[in-house]
Each structure stands twice: as C-alpha cells, then as structure tokens.
Amino acid sequence: MDAVLRAVLVYLFLLALFRLAGRTSLGQMTSFDLVLLLIVAETTGPAMLGDDISLTNAFLVSITLIGMSVFFTTLTNRSEVLDRWVNDRPLVIIEDGRVIDVRLKKSRVDMDDVMEQARLAQGLERLDQIKYAVLESSVSISIIPKYAR
C-alpha cells in the first residue's frame, strides 16, 4: 500500500510541477526538455518504489500511475474548473497580424516558432498575412491566414 501512496503523491506533484512549468508537447521537445524529462523519471522512480524494487511493486506502481491518469481524465471530463487547470485552452497569440505580447510571453512561445508554422502550414512569409495564430491545447500552433479580398 505504501507504493500506491507514493505513486499517487509523485503523480500529483509532477502534474502540478509540469502544469506550472508551461506548455511543451512531445513533438516539440528540445534536447534539453528530453534530458530533463529523463532525469525527472530517473529521480522519481526510486521515490515511488521506495526500498522495494521487486517486480510486483513495479507492476503495482505502474497500475497506480495508469489508474491516476484514467481518474484525472474522468474528473476533468466532469469538472470544467479542473479541466481548465489540468488542460490548457487554445490561446490566440496573433490577431489580425498583431502579436499579443502578453499571451506570447505567458505561453513562452517564440515568434520564430510561430512564423515557422505559418510557412510550413500555410506558406505565409509575413506577420501581416496572419489573421489568427492559435496556440492549441495540444501545444501545436494553428495558423489562419488573411485572405485577399
């Protein structure tokens, strides 16, 4: 039972820590992000398992972590307040070709990344060609171009 409690506490701690750290998707991870994630996994593993590194305990911790994930998914589906805290909402970072600096800084997104996505997704070359740039909850950037009239 100690392993289950440890796993729940580590899960909650990491959920809060990564939520406070900001948005990062697996597809957009830098080498630094990957190394950091591996180090966190390596350091929290022993905390969850304690002194018992048996196969049974490892299975129990894995089941607990997956159970916590299912539990939080169920809770976030039922509670909009918790859903907003755990899962990000889409955020408009460019509107009518104007950067919303406060949102860009808060989300820690680089303009180079926005313009790269504009070029890749829509073939746009300039900021004034963008109607909206939206940082999605999946951490991808959606670009909606201005259409010539």
C-alpha atoms as a PDB file:
ATOM      1  CA  MET A   1       0.000   0.000   0.000  1.00  0.00           C
ATOM      2  CA  ASP A   2       2.981   2.274   0.611  1.00  0.00           C
ATOM      3  CA  ALA A   3       3.911   2.042  -3.093  1.00  0.00           C
ATOM      4  CA  VAL A   4       0.408   3.135  -4.134  1.00  0.00           C
ATOM      5  CA  LEU A   5       0.504   6.168  -1.829  1.00  0.00           C
ATOM      6  CA  ARG A   6       3.994   7.089  -3.050  1.00  0.00           C
ATOM      7  CA  ALA A   7       2.897   6.759  -6.686  1.00  0.00           C
ATOM      8  CA  VAL A   8      -0.185   8.941  -6.104  1.00  0.00           C
ATOM      9  CA  LEU A   9       1.879  11.632  -4.357  1.00  0.00           C
ATOM     10  CA  VAL A  10       4.575  11.651  -7.049  1.00  0.00           C
ATOM     11  CA  TYR A  11       1.906  11.753  -9.777  1.00  0.00           C
ATOM     12  CA  LEU A  12       0.150  14.733  -8.186  1.00  0.00           C
ATOM     13  CA  PHE A  13       3.446  16.516  -7.550  1.00  0.00           C
ATOM     14  CA  LEU A  14       4.634  16.064 -11.144  1.00  0.00           C
ATOM     15  CA  LEU A  15       1.228  17.031 -12.559  1.00  0.00           C
ATOM     16  CA  ALA A  16       1.342  20.300 -10.632  1.00  0.00           C
ATOM     17  CA  LEU A  17       5.011  20.895 -11.426  1.00  0.00           C
ATOM     18  CA  PHE A  18       4.650  20.362 -15.177  1.00  0.00           C
ATOM     19  CA  ARG A  19       1.437  22.384 -15.244  1.00  0.00           C
ATOM     20  CA  LEU A  20       3.235  25.308 -13.618  1.00  0.00           C
ATOM     21  CA  ALA A  21       6.209  24.904 -15.956  1.00  0.00           C
ATOM     22  CA  GLY A  22       4.091  25.653 -19.017  1.00  0.00           C
ATOM     23  CA  ARG A  23       3.252  24.094 -22.325  1.00  0.00           C
ATOM     24  CA  THR A  24       5.513  21.649 -24.091  1.00  0.00           C
ATOM     25  CA  SER A  25       4.461  18.878 -26.395  1.00  0.00           C
ATOM     26  CA  LEU A  26       6.372  15.694 -27.047  1.00  0.00           C
ATOM     27  CA  GLY A  27       6.588  16.592 -30.719  1.00  0.00           C
ATOM     28  CA  GLN A  28       8.171  19.945 -29.941  1.00  0.00           C
ATOM     29  CA  MET A  29      10.573  18.851 -27.227  1.00  0.00           C
ATOM     30  CA  THR A  30      14.079  20.171 -27.356  1.00  0.00           C
ATOM     31  CA  SER A  31      17.053  18.054 -26.369  1.00  0.00           C
ATOM     32  CA  PHE A  32      17.044  19.913 -23.064  1.00  0.00           C
ATOM     33  CA  ASP A  33      13.362  19.023 -22.463  1.00  0.00           C
ATOM     34  CA  LEU A  34      14.032  15.359 -23.194  1.00  0.00           C
ATOM     35  CA  VAL A  35      17.049  15.211 -20.869  1.00  0.00           C
ATOM     36  CA  LEU A  36      15.044  16.967 -18.151  1.00  0.00           C
ATOM     37  CA  LEU A  37      12.172  14.504 -18.554  1.00  0.00           C
ATOM     38  CA  LEU A  38      14.526  11.533 -18.345  1.00  0.00           C
ATOM     39  CA  ILE A  39      16.185  12.918 -15.222  1.00  0.00           C
ATOM     40  CA  VAL A  40      12.806  13.532 -13.584  1.00  0.00           C
ATOM     41  CA  ALA A  41      11.772   9.963 -14.418  1.00  0.00           C
ATOM     42  CA  GLU A  42      15.022   8.586 -13.035  1.00  0.00           C
ATOM     43  CA  THR A  43      14.797  10.560  -9.807  1.00  0.00           C
ATOM     44  CA  THR A  44      11.115   9.969  -9.113  1.00  0.00           C
ATOM     45  CA  GLY A  45      11.228   6.236  -9.862  1.00  0.00           C
ATOM     46  CA  PRO A  46      13.019   5.306  -6.636  1.00  0.00           C
ATOM     47  CA  ALA A  47      10.752   7.638  -4.670  1.00  0.00           C
ATOM     48  CA  MET A  48       7.721   5.694  -5.891  1.00  0.00           C
ATOM     49  CA  LEU A  49       9.239   2.275  -5.350  1.00  0.00           C
ATOM     50  CA  GLY A  50      10.910   3.003  -2.005  1.00  0.00           C
ATOM     51  CA  ASP A  51      13.227   0.230  -0.838  1.00  0.00           C
ATOM     52  CA  ASP A  52      11.167  -2.498  -2.502  1.00  0.00           C
ATOM     53  CA  ILE A  53      12.307  -2.779  -6.126  1.00  0.00           C
ATOM     54  CA  SER A  54      10.506  -6.056  -6.732  1.00  0.00           C
ATOM     55  CA  LEU A  55       8.663  -6.790  -9.959  1.00  0.00           C
ATOM     56  CA  THR A  56       5.382  -6.881  -8.045  1.00  0.00           C
ATOM     57  CA  ASN A  57       5.987  -3.415  -6.638  1.00  0.00           C
ATOM     58  CA  ALA A  58       6.930  -2.065 -10.076  1.00  0.00           C
ATOM     59  CA  PHE A  59       3.709  -3.504 -11.523  1.00  0.00           C
ATOM     60  CA  LEU A  60       1.699  -2.027  -8.658  1.00  0.00           C
ATOM     61  CA  VAL A  61       3.216   1.423  -9.209  1.00  0.00           C
ATOM     62  CA  SER A  62       2.572   1.202 -12.975  1.00  0.00           C
ATOM     63  CA  ILE A  63      -1.057   0.234 -12.416  1.00  0.00           C
ATOM     64  CA  THR A  64      -1.422   3.086  -9.918  1.00  0.00           C
ATOM     65  CA  LEU A  65       0.008   5.643 -12.364  1.00  0.00           C
ATOM     66  CA  ILE A  66      -2.233   4.474 -15.191  1.00  0.00           C
ATOM     67  CA  GLY A  67      -5.157   4.466 -12.768  1.00  0.00           C
ATOM     68  CA  MET A  68      -4.340   8.056 -11.776  1.00  0.00           C
ATOM     69  CA  SER A  69      -4.314   9.042 -15.429  1.00  0.00           C
ATOM     70  CA  VAL A  70      -7.729   7.447 -16.010  1.00  0.00           C
ATOM     71  CA  PHE A  71      -9.019   9.009 -12.778  1.00  0.00           C
ATOM     72  CA  PHE A  72      -7.887  12.504 -13.788  1.00  0.00           C
ATOM     73  CA  THR A  73      -9.297  12.088 -17.288  1.00  0.00           C
ATOM     74  CA  THR A  74     -12.657  11.159 -15.773  1.00  0.00           C
ATOM     75  CA  LEU A  75     -12.529  14.084 -13.319  1.00  0.00           C
ATOM     76  CA  THR A  76     -11.556  16.611 -15.978  1.00  0.00           C
ATOM     77  CA  ASN A  77     -14.403  15.400 -18.183  1.00  0.00           C
ATOM     78  CA  ARG A  78     -16.827  16.081 -15.336  1.00  0.00           C
ATOM     79  CA  SER A  79     -15.370  19.308 -13.924  1.00  0.00           C
ATOM     80  CA  GLU A  80     -14.723  22.298 -16.160  1.00  0.00           C
ATOM     81  CA  VAL A  81     -12.744  24.055 -13.409  1.00  0.00           C
ATOM     82  CA  LEU A  82     -10.375  21.104 -13.008  1.00  0.00           C
ATOM     83  CA  ASP A  83     -10.231  20.662 -16.779  1.00  0.00           C
ATOM     84  CA  ARG A  84      -9.100  24.289 -17.210  1.00  0.00           C
ATOM     85  CA  TRP A  85      -6.391  23.809 -14.579  1.00  0.00           C
ATOM     86  CA  VAL A  86      -5.078  20.471 -15.856  1.00  0.00           C
ATOM     87  CA  ASN A  87      -5.504  21.019 -19.599  1.00  0.00           C
ATOM     88  CA  ASP A  88      -4.625  24.192 -21.410  1.00  0.00           C
ATOM     89  CA  ARG A  89      -7.159  26.056 -23.508  1.00  0.00           C
ATOM     90  CA  PRO A  90      -6.459  27.295 -27.024  1.00  0.00           C
ATOM     91  CA  LEU A  91      -4.875  30.734 -26.827  1.00  0.00           C
ATOM     92  CA  VAL A  92      -4.904  33.362 -29.582  1.00  0.00           C
ATOM     93  CA  ILE A  93      -1.363  34.757 -29.780  1.00  0.00           C
ATOM     94  CA  ILE A  94      -1.678  36.732 -33.033  1.00  0.00           C
ATOM     95  CA  GLU A  95      -4.794  38.578 -34.128  1.00  0.00           C
ATOM     96  CA  ASP A  96      -5.060  40.437 -37.435  1.00  0.00           C
ATOM     97  CA  GLY A  97      -1.294  40.371 -37.878  1.00  0.00           C
ATOM     98  CA  ARG A  98      -0.637  41.862 -34.435  1.00  0.00           C
ATOM     99  CA  VAL A  99       1.223  39.881 -31.799  1.00  0.00           C
ATOM    100  CA  ILE A 100      -0.463  39.742 -28.410  1.00  0.00           C
ATOM    101  CA  ASP A 101       2.777  40.110 -26.449  1.00  0.00           C
ATOM    102  CA  VAL A 102       1.322  39.308 -23.032  1.00  0.00           C
ATOM    103  CA  ARG A 103      -0.037  35.956 -24.229  1.00  0.00           C
ATOM    104  CA  LEU A 104       3.098  35.145 -26.216  1.00  0.00           C
ATOM    105  CA  LYS A 105       5.304  35.749 -23.178  1.00  0.00           C
ATOM    106  CA  LYS A 106       2.973  33.910 -20.809  1.00  0.00           C
ATOM    107  CA  SER A 107       2.900  30.840 -23.058  1.00  0.00           C
ATOM    108  CA  ARG A 108       6.672  31.020 -23.632  1.00  0.00           C
ATOM    109  CA  VAL A 109       6.309  30.655 -27.376  1.00  0.00           C
ATOM    110  CA  ASP A 110       8.961  32.081 -29.647  1.00  0.00           C
ATOM    111  CA  MET A 111       7.922  34.149 -32.669  1.00  0.00           C
ATOM    112  CA  ASP A 112      10.342  32.115 -34.775  1.00  0.00           C
ATOM    113  CA  ASP A 113       8.237  29.029 -33.982  1.00  0.00           C
ATOM    114  CA  VAL A 114       5.038  30.847 -34.963  1.00  0.00           C
ATOM    115  CA  MET A 115       6.492  32.033 -38.253  1.00  0.00           C
ATOM    116  CA  GLU A 116       7.938  28.584 -38.976  1.00  0.00           C
ATOM    117  CA  GLN A 117       4.469  27.086 -38.547  1.00  0.00           C
ATOM    118  CA  ALA A 118       2.980  29.846 -40.733  1.00  0.00           C
ATOM    119  CA  ARG A 119       5.448  28.983 -43.501  1.00  0.00           C
ATOM    120  CA  LEU A 120       5.025  25.218 -43.150  1.00  0.00           C
ATOM    121  CA  ALA A 121       1.253  25.088 -42.761  1.00  0.00           C
ATOM    122  CA  GLN A 122       0.099  27.977 -44.935  1.00  0.00           C
ATOM    123  CA  GLY A 123       3.074  29.164 -46.978  1.00  0.00           C
ATOM    124  CA  LEU A 124       2.921  32.571 -45.301  1.00  0.00           C
ATOM    125  CA  GLU A 125       6.020  34.715 -45.135  1.00  0.00           C
ATOM    126  CA  ARG A 126       4.973  37.793 -43.169  1.00  0.00           C
ATOM    127  CA  LEU A 127       3.185  38.532 -39.940  1.00  0.00           C
ATOM    128  CA  ASP A 128       0.626  40.757 -41.690  1.00  0.00           C
ATOM    129  CA  GLN A 129      -0.582  37.709 -43.669  1.00  0.00           C
ATOM    130  CA  ILE A 130      -1.787  36.019 -40.470  1.00  0.00           C
ATOM    131  CA  LYS A 131      -5.406  36.544 -39.381  1.00  0.00           C
ATOM    132  CA  TYR A 132      -5.002  34.380 -36.270  1.00  0.00           C
ATOM    133  CA  ALA A 133      -2.288  32.257 -34.733  1.00  0.00           C
ATOM    134  CA  VAL A 134      -3.672  29.989 -32.042  1.00  0.00           C
ATOM    135  CA  LEU A 135      -1.616  28.030 -29.538  1.00  0.00           C
ATOM    136  CA  GLU A 136      -3.717  24.890 -29.247  1.00  0.00           C
ATOM    137  CA  SER A 137      -4.132  22.842 -26.082  1.00  0.00           C
ATOM    138  CA  SER A 138      -2.030  20.157 -27.794  1.00  0.00           C
ATOM    139  CA  VAL A 139       0.755  22.802 -27.983  1.00  0.00           C
ATOM    140  CA  SER A 140       0.636  22.903 -31.764  1.00  0.00           C
ATOM    141  CA  ILE A 141       0.193  26.288 -33.424  1.00  0.00           C
ATOM    142  CA  SER A 142      -2.728  26.753 -35.796  1.00  0.00           C
ATOM    143  CA  ILE A 143      -2.356  29.463 -38.393  1.00  0.00           C
ATOM    144  CA  ILE A 144      -5.393  31.059 -40.015  1.00  0.00           C
ATOM    145  CA  PRO A 145      -4.330  33.245 -42.926  1.00  0.00           C
ATOM    146  CA  LYS A 146      -5.870  36.521 -44.022  1.00  0.00           C
ATOM    147  CA  TYR A 147      -7.461  36.057 -47.404  1.00  0.00           C
ATOM    148  CA  ALA A 148      -7.056  38.697 -50.097  1.00  0.00           C
ATOM    149  CA  ARG A 149     -10.345  40.301 -51.000  1.00  0.00           C
END
